[in-house]
C-alpha atoms as a PDB file:
ATOM      1  CA  MET A   1       0.000   0.000   0.000  1.00  0.00           C
ATOM      2  CA  SER A   2       1.395   3.394  -1.002  1.00  0.00           C
ATOM      3  CA  GLU A   3       1.705   6.245   1.504  1.00  0.00           C
ATOM      4  CA  GLN A   4      -1.185   8.143  -0.089  1.00  0.00           C
ATOM      5  CA  ASP A   5      -3.479   5.122   0.296  1.00  0.00           C
ATOM      6  CA  LYS A   6      -2.777   4.606   4.003  1.00  0.00           C
ATOM      7  CA  THR A   7      -5.605   5.650   6.280  1.00  0.00           C
ATOM      8  CA  ARG A   8      -5.054   7.678   9.419  1.00  0.00           C
ATOM      9  CA  ALA A   9      -7.321   8.247  12.412  1.00  0.00           C
ATOM     10  CA  GLY A  10      -6.964   9.734  15.855  1.00  0.00           C
ATOM     11  CA  PHE A  11      -8.213  12.217  18.406  1.00  0.00           C
ATOM     12  CA  ALA A  12      -7.601  15.956  18.576  1.00  0.00           C
ATOM     13  CA  ALA A  13      -8.785  17.612  21.791  1.00  0.00           C
ATOM     14  CA  VAL A  14      -9.686  21.303  21.528  1.00  0.00           C
ATOM     15  CA  ILE A  15      -9.182  22.989  24.891  1.00  0.00           C
ATOM     16  CA  GLY A  16      -9.347  26.617  25.938  1.00  0.00           C
ATOM     17  CA  ALA A  17     -10.908  29.197  28.222  1.00  0.00           C
ATOM     18  CA  PRO A  18     -14.684  29.736  28.136  1.00  0.00           C
ATOM     19  CA  ASN A  19     -15.851  31.534  24.987  1.00  0.00           C
ATOM     20  CA  ALA A  20     -12.582  31.035  23.099  1.00  0.00           C
ATOM     21  CA  GLY A  21     -14.629  29.691  20.171  1.00  0.00           C
ATOM     22  CA  LYS A  22     -13.997  25.951  20.579  1.00  0.00           C
ATOM     23  CA  SER A  23     -17.465  24.820  19.471  1.00  0.00           C
ATOM     24  CA  THR A  24     -17.438  27.181  16.494  1.00  0.00           C
ATOM     25  CA  LEU A  25     -14.059  25.797  15.423  1.00  0.00           C
ATOM     26  CA  VAL A  26     -15.130  22.164  15.805  1.00  0.00           C
ATOM     27  CA  ASN A  27     -18.279  22.787  13.783  1.00  0.00           C
ATOM     28  CA  ARG A  28     -16.203  24.535  11.099  1.00  0.00           C
ATOM     29  CA  LEU A  29     -13.673  21.676  10.896  1.00  0.00           C
ATOM     30  CA  VAL A  30     -16.382  19.006  10.758  1.00  0.00           C
ATOM     31  CA  GLY A  31     -18.404  20.935   8.200  1.00  0.00           C
ATOM     32  CA  SER A  32     -21.675  20.539  10.080  1.00  0.00           C
ATOM     33  CA  LYS A  33     -23.081  21.368  13.488  1.00  0.00           C
ATOM     34  CA  VAL A  34     -22.078  18.953  16.228  1.00  0.00           C
ATOM     35  CA  SER A  35     -21.776  21.376  19.166  1.00  0.00           C
ATOM     36  CA  ILE A  36     -24.186  24.080  20.267  1.00  0.00           C
ATOM     37  CA  VAL A  37     -22.989  27.681  20.193  1.00  0.00           C
ATOM     38  CA  THR A  38     -24.341  30.611  22.215  1.00  0.00           C
ATOM     39  CA  GLN A  39     -23.032  33.918  23.500  1.00  0.00           C
ATOM     40  CA  LYS A  40     -22.935  32.518  27.024  1.00  0.00           C
ATOM     41  CA  VAL A  41     -19.626  31.343  28.414  1.00  0.00           C
ATOM     42  CA  GLN A  42     -19.522  27.730  29.592  1.00  0.00           C
ATOM     43  CA  THR A  43     -22.251  26.697  27.138  1.00  0.00           C
ATOM     44  CA  THR A  44     -20.464  23.388  26.491  1.00  0.00           C
ATOM     45  CA  ARG A  45     -20.965  21.149  29.532  1.00  0.00           C
ATOM     46  CA  PHE A  46     -19.396  17.879  28.391  1.00  0.00           C
ATOM     47  CA  PRO A  47     -16.978  16.692  25.686  1.00  0.00           C
ATOM     48  CA  VAL A  48     -18.596  16.275  22.262  1.00  0.00           C
ATOM     49  CA  ARG A  49     -16.911  14.302  19.484  1.00  0.00           C
ATOM     50  CA  GLY A  50     -17.104  15.566  15.938  1.00  0.00           C
ATOM     51  CA  VAL A  51     -15.656  13.627  13.009  1.00  0.00           C
ATOM     52  CA  ALA A  52     -13.760  15.519  10.305  1.00  0.00           C
ATOM     53  CA  MET A  53     -12.395  13.973   7.107  1.00  0.00           C
ATOM     54  CA  GLN A  54      -9.333  15.277   5.292  1.00  0.00           C
ATOM     55  CA  GLY A  55      -8.059  13.086   2.485  1.00  0.00           C
ATOM     56  CA  GLN A  56      -7.316   9.667   3.960  1.00  0.00           C
ATOM     57  CA  SER A  57      -7.271  11.049   7.517  1.00  0.00           C
ATOM     58  CA  GLN A  58     -10.130  10.935   9.973  1.00  0.00           C
ATOM     59  CA  ILE A  59      -9.821  13.508  12.750  1.00  0.00           C
ATOM     60  CA  VAL A  60     -12.012  12.891  15.779  1.00  0.00           C
ATOM     61  CA  LEU A  61     -12.299  16.362  17.296  1.00  0.00           C
ATOM     62  CA  VAL A  62     -13.204  16.554  20.966  1.00  0.00           C
ATOM     63  CA  ASP A  63     -14.965  19.809  21.820  1.00  0.00           C
ATOM     64  CA  THR A  64     -14.424  20.343  25.541  1.00  0.00           C
ATOM     65  CA  PRO A  65     -15.943  22.551  28.248  1.00  0.00           C
ATOM     66  CA  GLY A  66     -14.046  25.756  28.934  1.00  0.00           C
ATOM     67  CA  ILE A  67     -11.244  25.546  31.492  1.00  0.00           C
ATOM     68  CA  PHE A  68     -11.637  28.090  34.275  1.00  0.00           C
ATOM     69  CA  THR A  69     -11.498  28.318  38.065  1.00  0.00           C
ATOM     70  CA  PRO A  70     -14.362  26.061  39.174  1.00  0.00           C
ATOM     71  CA  ARG A  71     -16.750  26.967  41.983  1.00  0.00           C
ATOM     72  CA  ARG A  72     -19.541  24.381  41.905  1.00  0.00           C
ATOM     73  CA  ARG A  73     -19.598  20.610  41.539  1.00  0.00           C
ATOM     74  CA  LEU A  74     -20.701  20.922  37.907  1.00  0.00           C
ATOM     75  CA  ASP A  75     -17.858  23.375  37.217  1.00  0.00           C
ATOM     76  CA  ARG A  76     -15.305  20.965  38.670  1.00  0.00           C
ATOM     77  CA  ALA A  77     -16.678  18.055  36.653  1.00  0.00           C
ATOM     78  CA  MET A  78     -16.632  20.112  33.444  1.00  0.00           C
ATOM     79  CA  VAL A  79     -13.045  21.268  33.901  1.00  0.00           C
ATOM     80  CA  ARG A  80     -11.867  17.754  34.802  1.00  0.00           C
ATOM     81  CA  SER A  81     -13.515  16.352  31.673  1.00  0.00           C
ATOM     82  CA  ALA A  82     -11.707  18.936  29.529  1.00  0.00           C
ATOM     83  CA  TRP A  83      -8.315  17.986  30.935  1.00  0.00           C
ATOM     84  CA  GLY A  84      -9.226  14.302  30.627  1.00  0.00           C
ATOM     85  CA  ALA A  85      -9.970  14.729  26.930  1.00  0.00           C
ATOM     86  CA  GLY A  86      -6.539  16.256  26.451  1.00  0.00           C
ATOM     87  CA  GLU A  87      -4.805  13.427  28.300  1.00  0.00           C
ATOM     88  CA  GLY A  88      -6.272  10.812  25.979  1.00  0.00           C
ATOM     89  CA  ALA A  89      -5.747  12.676  22.694  1.00  0.00           C
ATOM     90  CA  ASP A  90      -3.160  12.242  19.963  1.00  0.00           C
ATOM     91  CA  VAL A  91      -3.028  16.023  19.512  1.00  0.00           C
ATOM     92  CA  VAL A  92      -4.026  18.863  21.833  1.00  0.00           C
ATOM     93  CA  VAL A  93      -5.154  22.172  20.342  1.00  0.00           C
ATOM     94  CA  HIS A  94      -5.153  25.143  22.723  1.00  0.00           C
ATOM     95  CA  LEU A  95      -7.527  27.754  21.312  1.00  0.00           C
ATOM     96  CA  VAL A  96      -7.017  31.312  22.555  1.00  0.00           C
ATOM     97  CA  ASP A  97      -9.227  34.347  21.944  1.00  0.00           C
ATOM     98  CA  VAL A  98      -6.563  36.799  20.827  1.00  0.00           C
ATOM     99  CA  ASN A  99      -8.882  39.762  21.488  1.00  0.00           C
ATOM    100  CA  GLY A 100      -8.623  39.257  25.233  1.00  0.00           C
ATOM    101  CA  GLU A 101      -5.713  39.544  27.604  1.00  0.00           C
ATOM    102  CA  ILE A 102      -3.211  36.784  26.882  1.00  0.00           C
ATOM    103  CA  LEU A 103      -1.230  36.386  30.091  1.00  0.00           C
ATOM    104  CA  VAL A 104      -1.151  38.406  33.301  1.00  0.00           C
ATOM    105  CA  GLN A 105       2.211  39.577  34.502  1.00  0.00           C
ATOM    106  CA  GLU A 106       2.851  39.154  38.213  1.00  0.00           C
ATOM    107  CA  GLY A 107       1.373  42.007  40.215  1.00  0.00           C
ATOM    108  CA  GLU A 108      -0.585  43.464  37.305  1.00  0.00           C
ATOM    109  CA  ALA A 109      -4.001  42.099  38.165  1.00  0.00           C
ATOM    110  CA  LYS A 110      -5.902  40.171  40.765  1.00  0.00           C
ATOM    111  CA  PRO A 111      -8.008  37.062  40.100  1.00  0.00           C
ATOM    112  CA  GLY A 112     -11.367  38.147  38.743  1.00  0.00           C
ATOM    113  CA  GLU A 113     -10.106  41.367  37.152  1.00  0.00           C
ATOM    114  CA  ARG A 114      -8.826  39.714  33.977  1.00  0.00           C
ATOM    115  CA  ARG A 115     -10.555  36.402  34.054  1.00  0.00           C
ATOM    116  CA  SER A 116      -9.721  35.337  30.511  1.00  0.00           C
ATOM    117  CA  ALA A 117      -6.022  36.012  31.054  1.00  0.00           C
ATOM    118  CA  PHE A 118      -5.997  33.973  34.258  1.00  0.00           C
ATOM    119  CA  ASP A 119      -7.853  31.142  32.497  1.00  0.00           C
ATOM    120  CA  VAL A 120      -5.263  31.102  29.693  1.00  0.00           C
ATOM    121  CA  GLN A 121      -2.456  31.209  32.224  1.00  0.00           C
ATOM    122  CA  SER A 122      -3.932  28.314  34.195  1.00  0.00           C
ATOM    123  CA  ILE A 123      -4.092  26.252  30.999  1.00  0.00           C
ATOM    124  CA  VAL A 124      -0.448  27.036  30.230  1.00  0.00           C
ATOM    125  CA  GLU A 125       0.503  25.950  33.756  1.00  0.00           C
ATOM    126  CA  GLY A 126      -1.601  22.803  33.407  1.00  0.00           C
ATOM    127  CA  LEU A 127       0.145  21.894  30.159  1.00  0.00           C
ATOM    128  CA  LYS A 128       3.524  22.480  31.796  1.00  0.00           C
ATOM    129  CA  GLY A 129       2.612  20.315  34.760  1.00  0.00           C
ATOM    130  CA  SER A 130       1.459  17.418  32.599  1.00  0.00           C
ATOM    131  CA  GLY A 131       4.335  17.667  30.156  1.00  0.00           C
ATOM    132  CA  THR A 132       1.828  17.908  27.287  1.00  0.00           C
ATOM    133  CA  LYS A 133       2.816  19.767  24.139  1.00  0.00           C
ATOM    134  CA  ALA A 134       0.011  21.523  22.295  1.00  0.00           C
ATOM    135  CA  ILE A 135      -0.665  23.361  19.068  1.00  0.00           C
ATOM    136  CA  LEU A 136      -1.406  27.009  19.821  1.00  0.00           C
ATOM    137  CA  VAL A 137      -4.283  28.426  17.782  1.00  0.00           C
ATOM    138  CA  LEU A 138      -5.006  32.143  18.035  1.00  0.00           C
ATOM    139  CA  ASN A 139      -8.666  32.723  17.211  1.00  0.00           C
ATOM    140  CA  LYS A 140     -10.770  35.776  16.320  1.00  0.00           C
ATOM    141  CA  ILE A 141      -7.982  37.433  14.335  1.00  0.00           C
ATOM    142  CA  ASP A 142     -10.481  39.424  12.222  1.00  0.00           C
ATOM    143  CA  GLY A 143      -9.280  43.009  11.999  1.00  0.00           C
ATOM    144  CA  MET A 144      -6.368  42.483  14.394  1.00  0.00           C
ATOM    145  CA  ARG A 145      -3.132  44.293  13.653  1.00  0.00           C
ATOM    146  CA  ARG A 146      -0.344  42.000  12.521  1.00  0.00           C
ATOM    147  CA  ASP A 147       2.119  43.294  15.102  1.00  0.00           C
ATOM    148  CA  LYS A 148      -0.331  42.546  17.915  1.00  0.00           C
ATOM    149  CA  LEU A 149      -0.933  39.036  16.585  1.00  0.00           C
ATOM    150  CA  LEU A 150       2.767  38.316  16.322  1.00  0.00           C
ATOM    151  CA  GLY A 151       3.339  39.749  19.795  1.00  0.00           C
ATOM    152  CA  ALA A 152       0.648  37.539  21.310  1.00  0.00           C
ATOM    153  CA  ALA A 153       2.044  34.496  19.516  1.00  0.00           C
ATOM    154  CA  GLN A 154       5.539  35.212  20.799  1.00  0.00           C
ATOM    155  CA  ILE A 155       4.420  35.741  24.406  1.00  0.00           C
ATOM    156  CA  LEU A 156       2.593  32.432  24.479  1.00  0.00           C
ATOM    157  CA  PHE A 157       5.107  30.430  22.446  1.00  0.00           C
ATOM    158  CA  GLU A 158       7.879  31.454  24.837  1.00  0.00           C
ATOM    159  CA  THR A 159       6.102  29.576  27.634  1.00  0.00           C
ATOM    160  CA  GLY A 160       7.541  26.419  26.083  1.00  0.00           C
ATOM    161  CA  VAL A 161       4.358  24.352  25.906  1.00  0.00           C
ATOM    162  CA  TYR A 162       3.594  24.742  22.189  1.00  0.00           C
ATOM    163  CA  THR A 163       5.023  23.038  19.112  1.00  0.00           C
ATOM    164  CA  GLU A 164       3.611  25.461  16.530  1.00  0.00           C
ATOM    165  CA  VAL A 165       1.198  28.353  16.074  1.00  0.00           C
ATOM    166  CA  PHE A 166      -1.791  28.917  13.801  1.00  0.00           C
ATOM    167  CA  MET A 167      -3.821  32.098  13.415  1.00  0.00           C
ATOM    168  CA  ILE A 168      -7.458  31.667  12.438  1.00  0.00           C
ATOM    169  CA  SER A 169     -10.973  32.962  12.498  1.00  0.00           C
ATOM    170  CA  ALA A 170     -13.247  30.059  13.359  1.00  0.00           C
ATOM    171  CA  LEU A 171     -16.238  32.248  12.519  1.00  0.00           C
ATOM    172  CA  ASP A 172     -15.350  33.067   8.901  1.00  0.00           C
ATOM    173  CA  GLY A 173     -12.970  30.156   8.261  1.00  0.00           C
ATOM    174  CA  SER A 174      -9.751  32.108   7.718  1.00  0.00           C
ATOM    175  CA  GLY A 175      -6.763  29.845   8.311  1.00  0.00           C
ATOM    176  CA  VAL A 176      -8.908  26.862   9.288  1.00  0.00           C
ATOM    177  CA  ASP A 177      -8.065  24.775   6.204  1.00  0.00           C
ATOM    178  CA  ASP A 178      -4.343  24.953   7.023  1.00  0.00           C
ATOM    179  CA  LEU A 179      -5.029  23.866  10.601  1.00  0.00           C
ATOM    180  CA  LYS A 180      -7.215  21.006   9.403  1.00  0.00           C
ATOM    181  CA  GLN A 181      -4.501  19.734   7.058  1.00  0.00           C
ATOM    182  CA  ARG A 182      -1.928  19.874   9.841  1.00  0.00           C
ATOM    183  CA  LEU A 183      -4.186  17.888  12.172  1.00  0.00           C
ATOM    184  CA  ALA A 184      -4.767  15.342   9.411  1.00  0.00           C
ATOM    185  CA  ASP A 185      -1.014  14.928   8.943  1.00  0.00           C
ATOM    186  CA  LEU A 186      -0.544  14.371  12.692  1.00  0.00           C
ATOM    187  CA  MET A 187      -3.084  11.559  12.970  1.00  0.00           C
ATOM    188  CA  PRO A 188      -1.483   8.124  13.453  1.00  0.00           C
ATOM    189  CA  GLU A 189      -1.819   5.398  10.846  1.00  0.00           C
ATOM    190  CA  SER A 190      -5.013   3.539  11.673  1.00  0.00           C
ATOM    191  CA  PRO A 191      -8.267   2.293  10.184  1.00  0.00           C
ATOM    192  CA  TRP A 192     -10.980   4.914  10.414  1.00  0.00           C
ATOM    193  CA  LEU A 193     -12.770   4.864  13.765  1.00  0.00           C
ATOM    194  CA  TYR A 194     -16.180   5.907  12.406  1.00  0.00           C
ATOM    195  CA  PRO A 195     -18.056   5.483   9.119  1.00  0.00           C
ATOM    196  CA  GLU A 196     -16.948   8.100   6.591  1.00  0.00           C
ATOM    197  CA  ASP A 197     -20.359   9.795   6.540  1.00  0.00           C
ATOM    198  CA  GLN A 198     -20.747  10.069  10.334  1.00  0.00           C
ATOM    199  CA  SER A 199     -20.166  13.602  11.609  1.00  0.00           C
ATOM    200  CA  ALA A 200     -20.680  13.210  15.360  1.00  0.00           C
ATOM    201  CA  ASP A 201     -20.632  10.717  18.192  1.00  0.00           C
ATOM    202  CA  ILE A 202     -23.441  11.840  20.482  1.00  0.00           C
ATOM    203  CA  PRO A 203     -26.681   9.978  21.284  1.00  0.00           C
ATOM    204  CA  ALA A 204     -29.743  11.399  19.519  1.00  0.00           C
ATOM    205  CA  ARG A 205     -31.562  11.998  22.826  1.00  0.00           C
ATOM    206  CA  LEU A 206     -28.644  14.005  24.190  1.00  0.00           C
ATOM    207  CA  LEU A 207     -28.172  15.966  20.962  1.00  0.00           C
ATOM    208  CA  ALA A 208     -31.870  16.853  20.961  1.00  0.00           C
ATOM    209  CA  ALA A 209     -31.627  18.129  24.534  1.00  0.00           C
ATOM    210  CA  GLU A 210     -28.560  20.198  23.677  1.00  0.00           C
ATOM    211  CA  ILE A 211     -30.247  21.824  20.684  1.00  0.00           C
ATOM    212  CA  THR A 212     -33.197  22.882  22.841  1.00  0.00           C
ATOM    213  CA  ARG A 213     -30.835  24.215  25.530  1.00  0.00           C
ATOM    214  CA  GLU A 214     -29.106  26.274  22.860  1.00  0.00           C
ATOM    215  CA  LYS A 215     -32.421  27.799  21.781  1.00  0.00           C
ATOM    216  CA  ILE A 216     -33.241  28.651  25.398  1.00  0.00           C
ATOM    217  CA  TYR A 217     -29.947  30.510  25.815  1.00  0.00           C
ATOM    218  CA  LEU A 218     -30.265  32.282  22.474  1.00  0.00           C
ATOM    219  CA  ARG A 219     -33.777  33.455  23.335  1.00  0.00           C
ATOM    220  CA  LEU A 220     -33.208  34.260  27.018  1.00  0.00           C
ATOM    221  CA  HIS A 221     -29.508  35.015  27.294  1.00  0.00           C
ATOM    222  CA  GLU A 222     -30.084  38.192  29.325  1.00  0.00           C
ATOM    223  CA  GLU A 223     -33.012  37.067  31.451  1.00  0.00           C
ATOM    224  CA  LEU A 224     -32.065  33.504  32.353  1.00  0.00           C
ATOM    225  CA  PRO A 225     -28.878  32.524  34.171  1.00  0.00           C
ATOM    226  CA  TYR A 226     -27.013  29.278  33.571  1.00  0.00           C
ATOM    227  CA  SER A 227     -29.285  27.384  35.943  1.00  0.00           C
ATOM    228  CA  ALA A 228     -31.267  25.639  33.226  1.00  0.00           C
ATOM    229  CA  SER A 229     -31.015  22.087  31.971  1.00  0.00           C
ATOM    230  CA  VAL A 230     -32.895  20.036  29.386  1.00  0.00           C
ATOM    231  CA  GLU A 231     -33.661  16.328  29.570  1.00  0.00           C
ATOM    232  CA  THR A 232     -35.130  14.259  26.749  1.00  0.00           C
ATOM    233  CA  THR A 233     -37.690  12.124  28.559  1.00  0.00           C
ATOM    234  CA  ALA A 234     -39.069  10.284  25.513  1.00  0.00           C
ATOM    235  CA  PHE A 235     -37.851   9.654  21.961  1.00  0.00           C
ATOM    236  CA  THR A 236     -40.176   7.438  19.948  1.00  0.00           C
ATOM    237  CA  GLU A 237     -40.839   6.653  16.310  1.00  0.00           C
ATOM    238  CA  VAL A 238     -43.959   7.935  14.570  1.00  0.00           C
ATOM    239  CA  ALA A 239     -45.046   5.357  12.011  1.00  0.00           C
ATOM    240  CA  LYS A 240     -47.507   7.673  10.253  1.00  0.00           C
ATOM    241  CA  ASP A 241     -44.916  10.054   8.810  1.00  0.00           C
ATOM    242  CA  GLY A 242     -41.610   8.365   9.650  1.00  0.00           C
ATOM    243  CA  GLY A 243     -40.841  11.110  12.125  1.00  0.00           C
ATOM    244  CA  ALA A 244     -39.777  11.230  15.743  1.00  0.00           C
ATOM    245  CA  ARG A 245     -41.847  12.234  18.766  1.00  0.00           C
ATOM    246  CA  ILE A 246     -39.585  13.927  21.290  1.00  0.00           C
ATOM    247  CA  GLU A 247     -40.660  14.923  24.774  1.00  0.00           C
ATOM    248  CA  GLN A 248     -38.360  17.135  26.831  1.00  0.00           C
ATOM    249  CA  THR A 249     -38.379  18.719  30.251  1.00  0.00           C
ATOM    250  CA  ILE A 250     -36.672  22.035  30.872  1.00  0.00           C
ATOM    251  CA  PHE A 251     -35.466  22.270  34.468  1.00  0.00           C
ATOM    252  CA  VAL A 252     -34.921  25.606  36.200  1.00  0.00           C
ATOM    253  CA  GLU A 253     -33.697  26.125  39.749  1.00  0.00           C
ATOM    254  CA  ARG A 254     -36.218  28.654  41.045  1.00  0.00           C
ATOM    255  CA  GLU A 255     -39.944  29.193  40.715  1.00  0.00           C
ATOM    256  CA  GLY A 256     -39.322  32.730  39.473  1.00  0.00           C
ATOM    257  CA  GLN A 257     -37.446  31.382  36.452  1.00  0.00           C
ATOM    258  CA  ARG A 258     -40.354  29.270  35.223  1.00  0.00           C
ATOM    259  CA  PRO A 259     -42.482  32.182  33.917  1.00  0.00           C
ATOM    260  CA  ILE A 260     -39.390  33.569  32.161  1.00  0.00           C
ATOM    261  CA  VAL A 261     -39.101  30.387  30.110  1.00  0.00           C
ATOM    262  CA  LEU A 262     -42.847  30.144  29.532  1.00  0.00           C
ATOM    263  CA  GLY A 263     -43.384  33.781  28.581  1.00  0.00           C
ATOM    264  CA  LYS A 264     -46.765  35.491  28.396  1.00  0.00           C
ATOM    265  CA  GLY A 265     -49.371  32.937  27.443  1.00  0.00           C
ATOM    266  CA  GLY A 266     -46.598  30.374  26.841  1.00  0.00           C
ATOM    267  CA  GLN A 267     -45.345  32.380  23.852  1.00  0.00           C
ATOM    268  CA  THR A 268     -41.631  32.208  24.710  1.00  0.00           C
ATOM    269  CA  LEU A 269     -41.726  28.443  25.184  1.00  0.00           C
ATOM    270  CA  LYS A 270     -43.561  28.137  21.862  1.00  0.00           C
ATOM    271  CA  LEU A 271     -40.839  30.105  20.051  1.00  0.00           C
ATOM    272  CA  ILE A 272     -38.103  28.032  21.699  1.00  0.00           C
ATOM    273  CA  GLY A 273     -39.899  24.871  20.644  1.00  0.00           C
ATOM    274  CA  GLU A 274     -40.348  26.036  17.063  1.00  0.00           C
ATOM    275  CA  ALA A 275     -36.672  26.926  16.706  1.00  0.00           C
ATOM    276  CA  SER A 276     -35.541  23.629  18.218  1.00  0.00           C
ATOM    277  CA  ARG A 277     -38.003  21.567  16.185  1.00  0.00           C
ATOM    278  CA  THR A 278     -36.883  23.177  12.923  1.00  0.00           C
ATOM    279  CA  GLU A 279     -33.214  22.459  13.551  1.00  0.00           C
ATOM    280  CA  LEU A 280     -33.802  18.932  14.836  1.00  0.00           C
ATOM    281  CA  ALA A 281     -35.852  18.065  11.741  1.00  0.00           C
ATOM    282  CA  GLU A 282     -32.943  19.247   9.599  1.00  0.00           C
ATOM    283  CA  LEU A 283     -30.338  17.381  11.648  1.00  0.00           C
ATOM    284  CA  PHE A 284     -32.313  14.127  11.752  1.00  0.00           C
ATOM    285  CA  ASP A 285     -33.614  14.574   8.193  1.00  0.00           C
ATOM    286  CA  ARG A 286     -37.174  13.674   9.126  1.00  0.00           C
ATOM    287  CA  PRO A 287     -40.253  15.240  10.735  1.00  0.00           C
ATOM    288  CA  VAL A 288     -39.929  16.023  14.440  1.00  0.00           C
ATOM    289  CA  HIS A 289     -42.845  16.382  16.849  1.00  0.00           C
ATOM    290  CA  LEU A 290     -41.463  18.208  19.882  1.00  0.00           C
ATOM    291  CA  PHE A 291     -43.240  18.636  23.212  1.00  0.00           C
ATOM    292  CA  LEU A 292     -41.691  20.817  25.915  1.00  0.00           C
ATOM    293  CA  HIS A 293     -42.473  21.064  29.632  1.00  0.00           C
ATOM    294  CA  VAL A 294     -40.963  23.361  32.251  1.00  0.00           C
ATOM    295  CA  LYS A 295     -40.348  22.207  35.810  1.00  0.00           C
ATOM    296  CA  VAL A 296     -38.616  23.608  38.874  1.00  0.00           C
ATOM    297  CA  LYS A 297     -35.877  21.398  40.316  1.00  0.00           C
ATOM    298  CA  GLU A 298     -33.655  23.321  42.694  1.00  0.00           C
ATOM    299  CA  ASN A 299     -30.887  20.733  42.860  1.00  0.00           C
ATOM    300  CA  TRP A 300     -30.727  19.463  39.279  1.00  0.00           C
ATOM    301  CA  ALA A 301     -26.995  20.299  39.164  1.00  0.00           C
ATOM    302  CA  GLU A 302     -26.393  18.009  42.157  1.00  0.00           C
ATOM    303  CA  GLU A 303     -28.025  14.858  40.781  1.00  0.00           C
ATOM    304  CA  ARG A 304     -25.646  11.997  40.037  1.00  0.00           C
ATOM    305  CA  GLY A 305     -27.779  10.664  37.182  1.00  0.00           C
ATOM    306  CA  SER A 306     -27.346  13.799  35.074  1.00  0.00           C
ATOM    307  CA  TYR A 307     -23.575  13.541  35.322  1.00  0.00           C
ATOM    308  CA  ALA A 308     -23.661   9.947  34.119  1.00  0.00           C
ATOM    309  CA  ASP A 309     -25.741  10.978  31.084  1.00  0.00           C
ATOM    310  CA  TRP A 310     -23.198  13.681  30.256  1.00  0.00           C
ATOM    311  CA  GLY A 311     -20.196  11.448  30.824  1.00  0.00           C
ATOM    312  CA  LEU A 312     -18.975  13.614  33.702  1.00  0.00           C
ATOM    313  CA  ASP A 313     -17.437  12.490  36.991  1.00  0.00           C
ATOM    314  CA  PHE A 314     -19.843  13.333  39.814  1.00  0.00           C
ATOM    315  CA  ASP A 315     -17.253  12.694  42.525  1.00  0.00           C
ATOM    316  CA  VAL A 316     -14.398  14.808  41.153  1.00  0.00           C
END
């Protein structure tokens, strides 16, 4: 078998601070939506695998939760899962929002004042501690001055944890093709791990819940805090039209949040449902009959069962 006929396959973990653009990049590399994207930081709660093809290489991209200083049990589980994805990957990509502060010099700021810079710095220290080498990818370069980009690249590269640097815009695709080819070249020789036409490795019930959660955040990003979760309680076939009947429960933590999700006369919930149903029908390529309910569950973020569904460690 010639070199060009050999197949390659492996895992590339995309890590970074919250809102660095990890999900947008993974979706761009895969060529279809596998991770939800909202303006809220920490939207991604668990690692999601997207499958990208480049020539004879299959790149299994692992979109991870943002790495930050955790406060709650869910935060700790999310951050641990992100580091865990990096530990098991063939390649680690550290995505950095170049528009924010890059690193904080000693004495210049206190924790909380430049959160993104401290998050980036903690990732650098984590990579140093584990001995992991990563590819540095500077994101959101649109309109940035070249001297500032080169300065940011130099500051980070001099930390000694990176093998190379790419500059991209995950949103418009600039530089992404070069990154994709490099990842393809770094995959080890192996049979493909997934069918060529499979773009994601996420159960349909979980994907459906994530899509609805995305629509909630997009609709209510200013009114509703992060204390909302979606569970798919039923996913059944509809013989009449070949569609799927999906029942979901939206959990909020306080009684006062329930009317926010419902809206006047249930109008907000209806709009959320319509947006979710439309996208799910496109993703599943068949009719979707979606039924949403809203319930108050104060401790949903402390229930072991939810963590198991998400593949997170409850006891971390």
